[in-house]
N, C-alpha and C. Protein backbone atom coordinates (compact mmCIF):
# COMPACT_ATOMS: atom_id res chain seq x y z
N MET A 1 0.83 -1.06 -0.09
CA MET A 1 -0.07 -0.10 0.03
C MET A 1 0.90 1.24 0.06
N SER A 2 0.55 2.00 -1.06
CA SER A 2 1.88 3.11 -1.40
C SER A 2 0.76 4.50 -1.46
N GLU A 3 -0.61 4.50 -0.95
CA GLU A 3 -1.04 5.97 -0.79
C GLU A 3 -0.67 7.03 0.04
N ARG A 4 -0.89 7.95 -0.60
CA ARG A 4 -0.36 9.36 0.48
C ARG A 4 -1.42 9.08 1.65
N ILE A 5 -0.81 9.72 2.81
CA ILE A 5 -1.23 9.69 4.04
C ILE A 5 -1.25 11.28 4.44
N ILE A 6 -2.25 11.80 4.87
CA ILE A 6 -2.53 13.12 5.26
C ILE A 6 -2.35 13.04 6.97
N GLU A 7 -1.22 13.35 7.60
CA GLU A 7 -0.76 13.69 8.53
C GLU A 7 -0.86 14.61 9.49
N THR A 8 -0.26 15.84 8.64
CA THR A 8 -0.45 17.03 9.19
C THR A 8 -1.05 18.18 8.43
N ASP A 9 -1.38 19.23 9.18
CA ASP A 9 -1.82 20.49 8.39
C ASP A 9 -1.00 20.76 7.40
N ALA A 10 0.08 20.61 7.31
CA ALA A 10 0.85 20.90 6.01
C ALA A 10 0.84 19.99 4.74
N CYS A 11 0.16 19.05 5.07
CA CYS A 11 -0.27 17.92 3.82
C CYS A 11 -1.52 18.62 3.30
N VAL A 12 -2.61 19.04 4.30
CA VAL A 12 -3.72 19.67 3.69
C VAL A 12 -3.32 20.93 2.80
N ILE A 13 -2.55 21.64 3.46
CA ILE A 13 -2.09 22.87 2.57
C ILE A 13 -1.52 22.20 1.46
N GLU A 14 -0.76 21.59 0.95
CA GLU A 14 -0.18 20.86 0.01
C GLU A 14 -1.39 20.62 -1.00
N GLY A 15 -2.25 19.78 -0.65
CA GLY A 15 -3.35 19.28 -1.35
C GLY A 15 -4.10 20.30 -1.69
N MET A 16 -4.60 21.53 -1.02
CA MET A 16 -5.32 22.47 -1.19
C MET A 16 -4.49 23.57 -2.29
N ASP A 17 -3.19 23.42 -2.36
CA ASP A 17 -2.35 24.49 -2.99
C ASP A 17 -2.70 23.86 -4.79
N TRP A 18 -2.51 22.43 -4.43
CA TRP A 18 -2.60 21.81 -5.87
C TRP A 18 -3.89 21.90 -6.65
N LEU A 19 -4.89 21.88 -5.70
CA LEU A 19 -6.26 22.00 -6.38
C LEU A 19 -6.58 23.17 -6.75
N ALA A 20 -6.06 24.38 -5.80
CA ALA A 20 -6.29 25.69 -6.23
C ALA A 20 -5.73 26.04 -7.42
N ALA A 21 -4.39 25.48 -7.85
CA ALA A 21 -3.72 25.87 -8.85
C ALA A 21 -4.45 25.38 -10.40
N ARG A 22 -5.34 24.18 -9.94
CA ARG A 22 -5.92 23.92 -11.20
C ARG A 22 -7.47 23.83 -11.18
N CYS A 23 -8.18 24.71 -10.34
CA CYS A 23 -9.47 24.74 -10.46
C CYS A 23 -10.01 26.35 -9.87
N PRO A 24 -9.99 27.28 -10.57
CA PRO A 24 -10.35 28.62 -10.23
C PRO A 24 -11.38 28.57 -9.13
N LYS A 25 -12.49 27.75 -9.54
CA LYS A 25 -13.60 27.63 -8.66
C LYS A 25 -13.08 27.32 -7.18
N MET A 26 -12.43 26.50 -7.19
CA MET A 26 -11.96 25.80 -5.76
C MET A 26 -10.76 27.10 -5.18
N LYS A 27 -10.10 27.51 -5.81
CA LYS A 27 -9.41 28.54 -5.46
C LYS A 27 -10.07 29.63 -4.87
N ALA A 28 -11.35 30.15 -5.37
CA ALA A 28 -12.25 30.99 -4.92
C ALA A 28 -12.77 30.47 -3.69
N ALA A 29 -13.36 29.47 -3.52
CA ALA A 29 -14.06 28.97 -2.49
C ALA A 29 -12.87 28.85 -1.00
N TYR A 30 -11.65 28.66 -1.54
CA TYR A 30 -11.02 28.64 -0.57
C TYR A 30 -10.48 29.82 0.01
N ALA A 31 -10.85 31.12 -0.63
CA ALA A 31 -10.42 32.24 -0.27
C ALA A 31 -11.49 32.46 0.83
N GLN A 32 -12.72 31.99 0.48
CA GLN A 32 -13.96 32.37 1.65
C GLN A 32 -13.91 31.32 2.90
N THR A 33 -13.20 30.09 2.82
CA THR A 33 -13.35 29.19 3.92
C THR A 33 -12.26 29.53 5.01
N GLY A 34 -10.66 29.98 4.28
CA GLY A 34 -9.52 30.05 5.17
C GLY A 34 -9.12 28.80 5.43
N PRO A 35 -8.20 28.42 6.11
CA PRO A 35 -7.50 27.32 6.50
C PRO A 35 -8.32 26.00 6.86
N LEU A 36 -8.25 24.84 6.26
CA LEU A 36 -8.93 23.57 6.28
C LEU A 36 -8.31 22.94 7.56
N PRO A 37 -9.36 22.23 7.93
CA PRO A 37 -8.96 21.31 9.27
C PRO A 37 -8.42 20.13 8.95
N LEU A 38 -7.56 19.51 9.90
CA LEU A 38 -6.77 18.47 9.54
C LEU A 38 -7.76 17.18 9.67
N ARG A 39 -8.63 17.17 10.92
CA ARG A 39 -9.45 16.29 11.05
C ARG A 39 -8.98 15.09 11.18
N ARG A 40 -7.98 14.47 11.59
CA ARG A 40 -7.58 13.11 11.99
C ARG A 40 -7.90 12.53 13.07
N LYS A 41 -8.53 11.33 12.86
CA LYS A 41 -9.03 10.59 14.09
C LYS A 41 -8.13 9.21 14.23
N PRO A 42 -8.26 8.78 15.76
CA PRO A 42 -7.40 7.21 15.66
C PRO A 42 -8.66 6.57 14.78
N ASP A 43 -7.94 5.52 14.48
CA ASP A 43 -8.05 3.97 13.57
C ASP A 43 -8.70 3.18 14.75
N GLY A 44 -9.40 1.87 14.27
CA GLY A 44 -9.70 1.17 15.57
C GLY A 44 -11.44 1.04 15.42
N PHE A 45 -11.64 -0.33 16.20
CA PHE A 45 -13.05 -0.55 16.40
C PHE A 45 -13.85 0.64 17.17
N ASP A 46 -13.50 1.14 18.24
CA ASP A 46 -14.26 2.19 18.68
C ASP A 46 -14.61 3.17 17.82
N GLN A 47 -14.01 3.66 16.83
CA GLN A 47 -14.18 4.31 15.66
C GLN A 47 -15.47 4.12 14.88
N LEU A 48 -15.24 2.82 14.65
CA LEU A 48 -16.75 2.10 13.78
C LEU A 48 -17.82 2.35 14.52
N LEU A 49 -17.64 1.74 15.91
CA LEU A 49 -18.79 1.68 16.75
C LEU A 49 -19.41 2.87 17.18
N ASN A 50 -18.54 4.34 17.01
CA ASN A 50 -18.99 5.25 17.21
C ASN A 50 -19.83 5.89 16.21
N ALA A 51 -19.27 5.33 15.21
CA ALA A 51 -20.06 5.76 13.73
C ALA A 51 -21.55 5.25 13.82
N ILE A 52 -21.26 3.76 14.26
CA ILE A 52 -22.84 3.21 14.17
C ILE A 52 -23.77 4.12 15.11
N VAL A 53 -23.13 4.41 16.63
CA VAL A 53 -24.01 4.82 17.29
C VAL A 53 -24.62 6.43 16.64
N GLY A 54 -23.71 6.91 15.98
CA GLY A 54 -24.23 8.45 15.37
C GLY A 54 -25.08 8.50 14.34
N GLN A 55 -25.36 6.97 13.85
CA GLN A 55 -26.14 7.14 12.61
C GLN A 55 -27.55 7.44 12.79
N GLN A 56 -28.23 8.49 12.32
CA GLN A 56 -29.58 9.19 12.09
C GLN A 56 -30.12 9.73 13.44
N VAL A 57 -29.08 9.90 14.14
CA VAL A 57 -29.46 10.76 15.48
C VAL A 57 -28.80 11.79 15.69
N SER A 58 -28.87 12.96 16.30
CA SER A 58 -28.43 14.07 16.80
C SER A 58 -27.09 13.96 17.51
N ILE A 59 -26.03 15.24 16.82
CA ILE A 59 -24.89 14.83 17.85
C ILE A 59 -24.89 14.81 19.44
N ALA A 60 -25.89 15.48 19.89
CA ALA A 60 -26.24 15.42 21.18
C ALA A 60 -26.44 14.02 21.91
N SER A 61 -27.66 13.49 21.14
CA SER A 61 -27.96 12.22 21.45
C SER A 61 -27.08 11.11 21.12
N ALA A 62 -26.21 11.18 20.26
CA ALA A 62 -25.17 10.36 19.93
C ALA A 62 -24.13 10.48 20.90
N ASN A 63 -23.59 11.46 21.36
CA ASN A 63 -22.71 11.86 22.42
C ASN A 63 -23.07 11.24 23.93
N ALA A 64 -24.52 11.48 24.00
CA ALA A 64 -25.12 10.69 25.16
C ALA A 64 -25.05 9.31 25.52
N ILE A 65 -25.52 8.81 24.22
CA ILE A 65 -25.24 7.36 23.96
C ILE A 65 -24.10 6.78 24.01
N TRP A 66 -23.01 7.29 23.49
CA TRP A 66 -21.74 6.96 23.61
C TRP A 66 -21.03 7.18 24.93
N GLY A 67 -21.13 8.34 25.31
CA GLY A 67 -20.87 8.25 26.98
C GLY A 67 -21.26 7.12 27.77
N ARG A 68 -22.44 6.83 27.86
CA ARG A 68 -22.92 5.60 28.48
C ARG A 68 -22.29 4.16 28.14
N LEU A 69 -22.10 4.12 26.86
CA LEU A 69 -21.24 2.97 26.57
C LEU A 69 -19.80 3.13 27.16
N VAL A 70 -19.18 4.33 27.20
CA VAL A 70 -17.82 4.12 27.57
C VAL A 70 -18.06 3.85 29.25
N ASP A 71 -18.70 4.78 29.76
CA ASP A 71 -19.03 4.41 31.45
C ASP A 71 -19.50 2.86 31.84
N ALA A 72 -20.19 2.34 30.78
CA ALA A 72 -20.51 0.71 31.04
C ALA A 72 -19.26 -0.12 30.60
N GLY A 73 -18.13 0.54 29.89
CA GLY A 73 -17.10 -0.44 29.32
C GLY A 73 -17.52 -1.04 28.31
N ILE A 74 -18.07 -0.86 27.40
CA ILE A 74 -18.69 -1.54 26.36
C ILE A 74 -18.06 -0.90 24.64
N THR A 75 -16.85 -0.81 24.89
CA THR A 75 -16.70 -0.20 23.61
C THR A 75 -15.38 -1.16 23.08
N THR A 76 -15.10 -2.23 23.03
CA THR A 76 -14.47 -3.06 22.65
C THR A 76 -15.06 -4.34 21.82
N PRO A 77 -14.66 -5.19 21.08
CA PRO A 77 -15.12 -5.97 20.46
C PRO A 77 -15.82 -7.22 21.62
N GLU A 78 -14.59 -7.39 22.38
CA GLU A 78 -15.13 -8.40 23.51
C GLU A 78 -16.41 -8.01 24.19
N ALA A 79 -16.49 -6.77 24.78
CA ALA A 79 -17.48 -6.24 25.63
C ALA A 79 -18.76 -6.38 24.94
N CYS A 80 -18.65 -5.77 23.61
CA CYS A 80 -19.77 -5.32 22.65
C CYS A 80 -20.33 -7.07 22.30
N ALA A 81 -19.61 -7.80 22.31
CA ALA A 81 -20.05 -9.22 21.89
C ALA A 81 -20.91 -9.58 23.07
N ALA A 82 -20.10 -9.45 24.02
CA ALA A 82 -20.63 -10.21 25.54
C ALA A 82 -21.99 -9.54 25.85
N ALA A 83 -22.29 -8.06 25.44
CA ALA A 83 -23.38 -7.40 26.03
C ALA A 83 -24.80 -8.16 25.20
N SER A 84 -25.80 -8.28 26.16
CA SER A 84 -27.15 -8.73 25.52
C SER A 84 -27.80 -7.51 24.87
N GLU A 85 -28.40 -7.77 23.62
CA GLU A 85 -29.50 -6.90 23.11
C GLU A 85 -30.18 -5.90 24.15
N ASP A 86 -30.63 -6.48 25.33
CA ASP A 86 -31.34 -5.83 26.32
C ASP A 86 -30.38 -4.86 26.84
N GLU A 87 -29.22 -4.94 27.27
CA GLU A 87 -28.23 -4.41 28.02
C GLU A 87 -28.17 -3.07 27.07
N LEU A 88 -27.66 -3.42 25.82
CA LEU A 88 -27.34 -2.26 24.80
C LEU A 88 -28.46 -1.39 24.53
N ARG A 89 -29.74 -1.93 24.46
CA ARG A 89 -30.86 -1.04 24.29
C ARG A 89 -31.03 -0.12 25.76
N GLY A 90 -31.13 -0.50 26.85
CA GLY A 90 -30.93 0.29 27.77
C GLY A 90 -29.64 1.17 27.77
N LEU A 91 -28.75 0.98 27.20
CA LEU A 91 -27.91 2.08 26.91
C LEU A 91 -28.55 3.47 26.31
N GLY A 92 -29.34 3.12 25.33
CA GLY A 92 -29.78 3.72 24.45
C GLY A 92 -29.78 3.50 23.05
N LEU A 93 -29.39 2.43 22.50
CA LEU A 93 -29.05 1.82 21.30
C LEU A 93 -30.34 1.15 20.77
N SER A 94 -31.17 1.60 19.71
CA SER A 94 -32.12 1.02 19.07
C SER A 94 -31.90 -0.36 18.87
N ARG A 95 -33.08 -1.31 18.58
CA ARG A 95 -32.91 -2.54 18.40
C ARG A 95 -31.89 -2.79 17.34
N GLN A 96 -32.17 -1.91 15.93
CA GLN A 96 -31.27 -2.44 14.94
C GLN A 96 -29.90 -2.04 15.21
N LYS A 97 -29.39 -0.75 15.91
CA LYS A 97 -28.17 -0.50 16.29
C LYS A 97 -27.46 -1.59 17.23
N ALA A 98 -28.35 -2.54 18.07
CA ALA A 98 -27.86 -3.19 18.94
C ALA A 98 -27.21 -4.47 18.13
N LEU A 99 -28.31 -4.82 17.02
CA LEU A 99 -27.78 -5.75 16.01
C LEU A 99 -26.60 -5.67 15.03
N TYR A 100 -26.25 -4.33 14.90
CA TYR A 100 -25.22 -4.10 14.12
C TYR A 100 -23.66 -3.93 15.21
N THR A 101 -24.15 -3.51 16.12
CA THR A 101 -23.24 -3.58 17.27
C THR A 101 -22.42 -5.00 17.64
N HIS A 102 -23.28 -6.12 17.50
CA HIS A 102 -23.04 -7.41 17.76
C HIS A 102 -22.22 -7.72 16.13
N GLU A 103 -22.81 -7.45 15.06
CA GLU A 103 -22.06 -7.83 13.95
C GLU A 103 -20.88 -7.11 13.72
N LEU A 104 -20.47 -5.97 14.16
CA LEU A 104 -19.01 -5.50 14.22
C LEU A 104 -18.32 -6.41 15.04
N ALA A 105 -18.94 -6.68 16.36
CA ALA A 105 -17.90 -7.25 17.57
C ALA A 105 -17.51 -8.65 16.72
N ASN A 106 -18.45 -9.17 16.06
CA ASN A 106 -18.01 -10.46 15.88
C ASN A 106 -17.65 -10.64 14.62
N ALA A 107 -17.35 -9.36 13.65
CA ALA A 107 -16.49 -9.41 12.45
C ALA A 107 -15.19 -10.04 12.41
N GLY A 108 -14.70 -9.88 13.36
CA GLY A 108 -13.14 -10.11 13.48
C GLY A 108 -12.44 -9.13 12.63
N LEU A 109 -12.31 -7.85 12.45
CA LEU A 109 -11.79 -7.25 11.55
C LEU A 109 -10.34 -6.99 11.99
N ASP A 110 -9.19 -6.84 11.34
CA ASP A 110 -8.00 -6.84 11.67
C ASP A 110 -7.48 -5.47 11.29
N PHE A 111 -7.65 -4.51 12.36
CA PHE A 111 -7.43 -3.14 12.25
C PHE A 111 -5.84 -2.85 11.54
N ASP A 112 -5.05 -3.69 12.18
CA ASP A 112 -3.87 -3.36 11.52
C ASP A 112 -3.62 -4.00 9.78
N GLY A 113 -4.35 -4.88 9.70
CA GLY A 113 -4.50 -5.16 7.96
C GLY A 113 -4.79 -4.10 7.37
N LEU A 114 -5.95 -3.61 7.91
CA LEU A 114 -6.79 -2.62 7.15
C LEU A 114 -5.57 -1.46 6.75
N ARG A 115 -4.64 -1.07 7.94
CA ARG A 115 -3.71 0.12 7.55
C ARG A 115 -2.85 -0.42 6.24
N ARG A 116 -2.75 -1.67 5.95
CA ARG A 116 -1.96 -2.05 4.89
C ARG A 116 -2.89 -2.16 3.48
N MET A 117 -4.25 -2.31 3.63
CA MET A 117 -4.58 -2.37 2.43
C MET A 117 -4.83 -1.03 1.72
N THR A 118 -4.99 -1.30 0.62
CA THR A 118 -5.63 -0.24 -0.31
C THR A 118 -6.97 0.62 0.32
N SER A 119 -7.26 1.91 -0.33
CA SER A 119 -8.48 2.61 0.38
C SER A 119 -9.76 1.55 -0.59
N ALA A 120 -9.69 1.36 -1.52
CA ALA A 120 -10.75 0.53 -2.16
C ALA A 120 -10.90 -1.01 -1.35
N GLU A 121 -9.68 -1.58 -1.09
CA GLU A 121 -9.82 -2.61 -0.24
C GLU A 121 -10.66 -2.51 1.12
N VAL A 122 -9.90 -1.47 2.08
CA VAL A 122 -10.44 -1.54 3.43
C VAL A 122 -12.29 -0.96 3.06
N ILE A 123 -12.57 -0.28 2.20
CA ILE A 123 -14.08 0.16 2.05
C ILE A 123 -14.76 -1.09 1.73
N LYS A 124 -14.17 -1.76 0.65
CA LYS A 124 -14.86 -3.13 0.43
C LYS A 124 -15.03 -4.23 1.74
N THR A 125 -13.89 -4.20 2.53
CA THR A 125 -14.24 -4.98 3.73
C THR A 125 -14.92 -4.44 4.61
N LEU A 126 -14.90 -3.12 4.86
CA LEU A 126 -15.63 -2.73 5.96
C LEU A 126 -17.41 -2.74 5.72
N THR A 127 -17.75 -2.55 4.39
CA THR A 127 -18.99 -2.36 3.65
C THR A 127 -19.63 -3.86 3.71
N ALA A 128 -18.58 -4.97 3.92
CA ALA A 128 -19.30 -6.04 4.26
C ALA A 128 -19.75 -6.39 5.51
N VAL A 129 -19.61 -5.77 6.36
CA VAL A 129 -20.07 -5.63 7.70
C VAL A 129 -21.59 -4.94 7.86
N LYS A 130 -22.44 -5.70 8.16
CA LYS A 130 -23.74 -5.17 8.43
C LYS A 130 -23.79 -4.12 9.17
N GLY A 131 -24.39 -3.00 8.86
CA GLY A 131 -24.37 -1.72 9.75
C GLY A 131 -23.26 -0.77 9.20
N ILE A 132 -22.60 -0.96 8.39
CA ILE A 132 -21.53 -0.37 7.75
C ILE A 132 -21.49 0.24 6.14
N GLY A 133 -21.95 1.02 5.77
CA GLY A 133 -22.52 1.61 4.53
C GLY A 133 -21.10 2.30 3.96
N PRO A 134 -21.11 2.58 2.40
CA PRO A 134 -20.08 3.36 2.07
C PRO A 134 -19.72 4.44 2.60
N TRP A 135 -20.73 5.24 3.01
CA TRP A 135 -20.42 6.70 3.76
C TRP A 135 -19.45 6.59 4.76
N THR A 136 -20.01 5.43 5.83
CA THR A 136 -19.17 5.39 6.94
C THR A 136 -18.21 4.84 6.73
N ALA A 137 -17.82 3.80 5.82
CA ALA A 137 -16.36 3.19 5.28
C ALA A 137 -15.61 4.33 5.00
N GLU A 138 -16.09 5.03 4.04
CA GLU A 138 -15.28 6.21 3.31
C GLU A 138 -15.02 7.37 4.27
N ILE A 139 -15.48 7.69 5.17
CA ILE A 139 -14.88 8.81 6.22
C ILE A 139 -14.14 7.83 7.09
N TYR A 140 -14.24 6.76 7.57
CA TYR A 140 -13.33 6.02 8.40
C TYR A 140 -11.75 6.12 7.55
N VAL A 141 -11.97 5.47 6.06
CA VAL A 141 -10.84 5.49 5.44
C VAL A 141 -10.24 6.96 5.34
N MET A 142 -10.84 7.94 5.26
CA MET A 142 -10.44 9.44 4.88
C MET A 142 -9.97 9.88 6.42
N PHE A 143 -10.53 9.90 7.43
CA PHE A 143 -10.17 10.43 8.69
C PHE A 143 -9.41 9.68 9.39
N SER A 144 -9.77 8.32 9.77
CA SER A 144 -8.95 7.47 10.73
C SER A 144 -7.90 6.67 9.89
N LEU A 145 -7.91 6.71 8.88
CA LEU A 145 -6.54 6.21 8.06
C LEU A 145 -5.94 7.26 7.68
N GLY A 146 -6.53 8.41 7.60
CA GLY A 146 -5.64 9.68 6.89
C GLY A 146 -5.39 9.59 5.32
N ARG A 147 -6.21 8.55 4.56
CA ARG A 147 -6.13 8.65 3.09
C ARG A 147 -6.40 9.86 2.30
N ALA A 148 -5.19 10.34 1.69
CA ALA A 148 -5.45 11.66 0.96
C ALA A 148 -6.38 11.68 -0.32
N ASP A 149 -6.42 10.58 -0.84
CA ASP A 149 -7.37 10.39 -2.27
C ASP A 149 -8.68 9.55 -2.12
N VAL A 150 -9.63 9.83 -1.05
CA VAL A 150 -10.78 9.20 -1.06
C VAL A 150 -12.08 10.40 -0.95
N PHE A 151 -13.03 9.95 -1.33
CA PHE A 151 -14.32 11.06 -1.25
C PHE A 151 -15.60 10.02 -1.04
N ALA A 152 -16.40 11.18 -0.66
CA ALA A 152 -17.82 10.50 -0.30
C ALA A 152 -18.87 11.19 -1.13
N PRO A 153 -19.01 10.79 -2.28
CA PRO A 153 -20.06 11.24 -3.24
C PRO A 153 -21.33 11.12 -2.71
N GLY A 154 -21.87 10.22 -1.83
CA GLY A 154 -22.91 10.28 -1.09
C GLY A 154 -23.43 11.16 -0.43
N ASP A 155 -22.77 11.85 0.27
CA ASP A 155 -22.71 12.72 1.42
C ASP A 155 -23.36 14.37 0.86
N LEU A 156 -24.50 14.50 1.58
CA LEU A 156 -25.45 15.50 1.01
C LEU A 156 -24.95 16.81 1.10
N ALA A 157 -24.23 16.98 2.25
CA ALA A 157 -23.30 18.39 2.38
C ALA A 157 -22.55 18.40 1.42
N LEU A 158 -21.69 17.64 1.04
CA LEU A 158 -20.79 17.69 -0.39
C LEU A 158 -21.36 18.02 -1.42
N GLN A 159 -22.43 17.53 -1.74
CA GLN A 159 -23.15 17.44 -3.22
C GLN A 159 -23.67 18.87 -3.12
N ASP A 160 -24.31 19.40 -1.86
CA ASP A 160 -24.90 20.55 -2.24
C ASP A 160 -24.01 22.00 -2.17
N ALA A 161 -22.89 21.42 -1.58
CA ALA A 161 -21.64 22.43 -1.54
C ALA A 161 -21.15 22.54 -3.18
N ALA A 162 -21.12 21.32 -3.91
CA ALA A 162 -20.66 21.39 -5.12
C ALA A 162 -21.98 22.00 -6.16
N ARG A 163 -23.05 22.09 -5.82
CA ARG A 163 -24.09 22.72 -6.39
C ARG A 163 -24.08 23.97 -6.51
N ILE A 164 -23.48 24.79 -5.27
CA ILE A 164 -23.47 26.06 -5.22
C ILE A 164 -22.27 26.27 -5.63
N LEU A 165 -21.25 25.97 -5.30
CA LEU A 165 -19.75 26.36 -5.73
C LEU A 165 -19.85 26.28 -7.68
N TYR A 166 -20.18 25.17 -8.11
CA TYR A 166 -20.25 24.79 -9.65
C TYR A 166 -21.55 25.62 -10.47
N ASP A 167 -22.27 26.05 -9.53
CA ASP A 167 -23.78 26.71 -10.31
C ASP A 167 -24.34 25.69 -10.93
N LEU A 168 -24.59 24.30 -10.38
CA LEU A 168 -25.59 23.42 -10.96
C LEU A 168 -26.98 23.32 -10.62
N PRO A 169 -27.75 22.99 -11.34
CA PRO A 169 -29.14 23.20 -11.16
C PRO A 169 -29.73 22.29 -10.21
N GLU A 170 -29.18 21.35 -9.79
CA GLU A 170 -29.50 20.41 -8.37
C GLU A 170 -28.22 19.57 -8.19
N ARG A 171 -28.41 19.48 -6.81
CA ARG A 171 -27.34 18.29 -6.56
C ARG A 171 -26.81 17.25 -7.29
N PRO A 172 -25.58 17.05 -7.39
CA PRO A 172 -25.19 15.75 -8.29
C PRO A 172 -25.41 14.36 -7.71
N THR A 173 -25.89 13.47 -8.55
CA THR A 173 -26.44 12.02 -7.96
C THR A 173 -25.03 11.67 -7.73
N GLU A 174 -25.18 10.46 -6.83
CA GLU A 174 -23.73 10.13 -6.18
C GLU A 174 -22.82 9.47 -7.40
N LYS A 175 -23.35 8.94 -8.23
CA LYS A 175 -22.83 8.48 -9.32
C LYS A 175 -22.33 9.57 -10.17
N ALA A 176 -23.02 10.82 -10.64
CA ALA A 176 -22.32 11.87 -11.52
C ALA A 176 -20.93 12.52 -10.30
N PHE A 177 -21.39 12.63 -9.17
CA PHE A 177 -20.67 13.06 -8.09
C PHE A 177 -19.23 12.38 -8.28
N ARG A 178 -19.29 11.28 -8.28
CA ARG A 178 -18.00 10.37 -8.28
C ARG A 178 -17.05 10.47 -9.29
N THR A 179 -17.99 10.66 -10.51
CA THR A 179 -17.27 10.76 -11.85
C THR A 179 -16.60 12.46 -11.66
N MET A 180 -17.34 13.44 -11.15
CA MET A 180 -16.78 14.81 -10.99
C MET A 180 -15.43 14.75 -10.23
N ALA A 181 -15.82 14.09 -8.99
CA ALA A 181 -14.30 14.19 -8.17
C ALA A 181 -13.32 13.44 -8.81
N GLN A 182 -13.22 12.91 -9.65
CA GLN A 182 -12.04 12.22 -10.28
C GLN A 182 -11.07 13.20 -10.72
N ASP A 183 -11.65 14.31 -11.09
CA ASP A 183 -10.49 15.71 -11.16
C ASP A 183 -9.70 16.17 -10.17
N TRP A 184 -10.18 15.60 -9.07
CA TRP A 184 -9.49 16.20 -8.03
C TRP A 184 -8.52 15.41 -7.28
N ALA A 185 -8.27 14.10 -7.98
CA ALA A 185 -7.37 13.16 -7.57
C ALA A 185 -5.93 13.58 -7.95
N PRO A 186 -4.81 13.56 -7.01
CA PRO A 186 -4.80 12.66 -5.65
C PRO A 186 -5.08 13.13 -4.71
N TRP A 187 -6.15 14.75 -4.49
CA TRP A 187 -6.35 14.87 -3.31
C TRP A 187 -7.68 14.98 -3.09
N ARG A 188 -8.42 14.05 -3.33
CA ARG A 188 -9.95 14.13 -3.07
C ARG A 188 -10.01 14.43 -1.63
N SER A 189 -9.61 13.89 -0.93
CA SER A 189 -10.02 14.02 0.70
C SER A 189 -9.80 15.26 1.01
N VAL A 190 -8.95 16.39 0.35
CA VAL A 190 -8.79 17.40 0.64
C VAL A 190 -9.91 18.54 0.02
N ALA A 191 -10.36 17.96 -1.23
CA ALA A 191 -11.29 18.51 -2.06
C ALA A 191 -12.74 18.62 -1.16
N ALA A 192 -12.89 17.28 -0.41
CA ALA A 192 -13.96 17.16 0.28
C ALA A 192 -13.74 18.19 1.72
N ARG A 193 -12.70 18.20 2.35
CA ARG A 193 -12.51 19.09 3.35
C ARG A 193 -12.94 20.51 2.83
N LEU A 194 -12.74 20.84 1.69
CA LEU A 194 -12.93 22.57 1.30
C LEU A 194 -14.49 22.46 1.02
N LEU A 195 -14.86 21.33 0.38
CA LEU A 195 -16.42 21.49 0.07
C LEU A 195 -17.35 21.58 1.19
N TRP A 196 -16.70 20.50 2.66
CA TRP A 196 -17.89 20.85 3.91
C TRP A 196 -17.31 22.31 4.47
N ALA A 197 -16.36 22.74 4.22
CA ALA A 197 -16.05 24.10 5.00
C ALA A 197 -16.75 25.24 3.99
N TYR A 198 -16.93 24.92 2.92
CA TYR A 198 -17.47 25.72 1.89
C TYR A 198 -19.32 25.70 2.21
N TYR A 199 -19.51 24.62 2.30
CA TYR A 199 -21.07 24.25 2.72
C TYR A 199 -21.25 25.40 4.16
N ARG A 200 -20.53 25.00 4.83
CA ARG A 200 -20.97 25.56 6.04
C ARG A 200 -20.93 27.21 5.89
N VAL A 201 -19.82 27.58 5.35
CA VAL A 201 -19.68 28.91 5.37
C VAL A 201 -21.00 29.80 4.56
N ASN A 202 -21.70 28.81 3.42
CA ASN A 202 -22.62 29.57 2.51
C ASN A 202 -23.83 29.27 3.40
N LYS A 203 -24.31 28.13 4.33
CA LYS A 203 -25.09 27.92 5.26
C LYS A 203 -25.34 28.89 6.36
N GLU A 204 -24.28 29.25 6.74
CA GLU A 204 -24.08 30.21 7.98
C GLU A 204 -24.42 31.66 7.06
N ARG A 205 -24.14 31.86 6.16
CA ARG A 205 -24.59 33.32 5.23
C ARG A 205 -26.12 33.19 5.00
N GLU A 206 -26.66 31.96 4.67
CA GLU A 206 -28.21 31.87 4.81
C GLU A 206 -28.82 31.82 6.09
N GLY A 207 -28.31 31.92 6.88
CA GLY A 207 -28.72 31.76 8.50
C GLY A 207 -29.19 30.44 8.92
N ILE A 208 -28.69 29.40 7.97
CA ILE A 208 -29.26 27.94 8.48
C ILE A 208 -28.55 27.63 9.57
N LEU A 209 -27.12 27.48 9.30
CA LEU A 209 -26.28 27.22 10.52
C LEU A 209 -26.19 28.22 11.64
């Protein structure tokens, strides 16, 4: 595996400079957003579990449930596998998320091995686990593994940012957006950071955020 890893703010700046030199619209967006965040996270089981906890609930609810899992010591594969559905639901997980938690705990993921895989291989491996969809896998590869050339074309905020920036009549479809993002290789993860930042700037201007 020889993919570029984003480890420091300097890597993000390098990628953004590359994008700005090739795309005037991205350069203009960067002038509005200012410096982009590194957003690196640890990798491992607990990061995927946290992502499952956060699916389709508010940030506040996700944080509260996660705090209860941490307090109960249920954030490792062994502890999650041993916890009953009733115990997990008592901590705030839905029946479906309790199922996903058990699926993840029993998946036997080799997190050291994931680091050595290509991004495509990691995404394929993760999405084979029930409860982990493409978006969750792409975000994990982007921020927990730090890969520089990963994108999440199904992300609605990214789609809306592209619609605004490129003056599109509507949000691009996931398929069209994936094709569009090929122009931003080998720094698609930095392009995603820019579009998220640009989305926030525009929504704040509209009074939405």
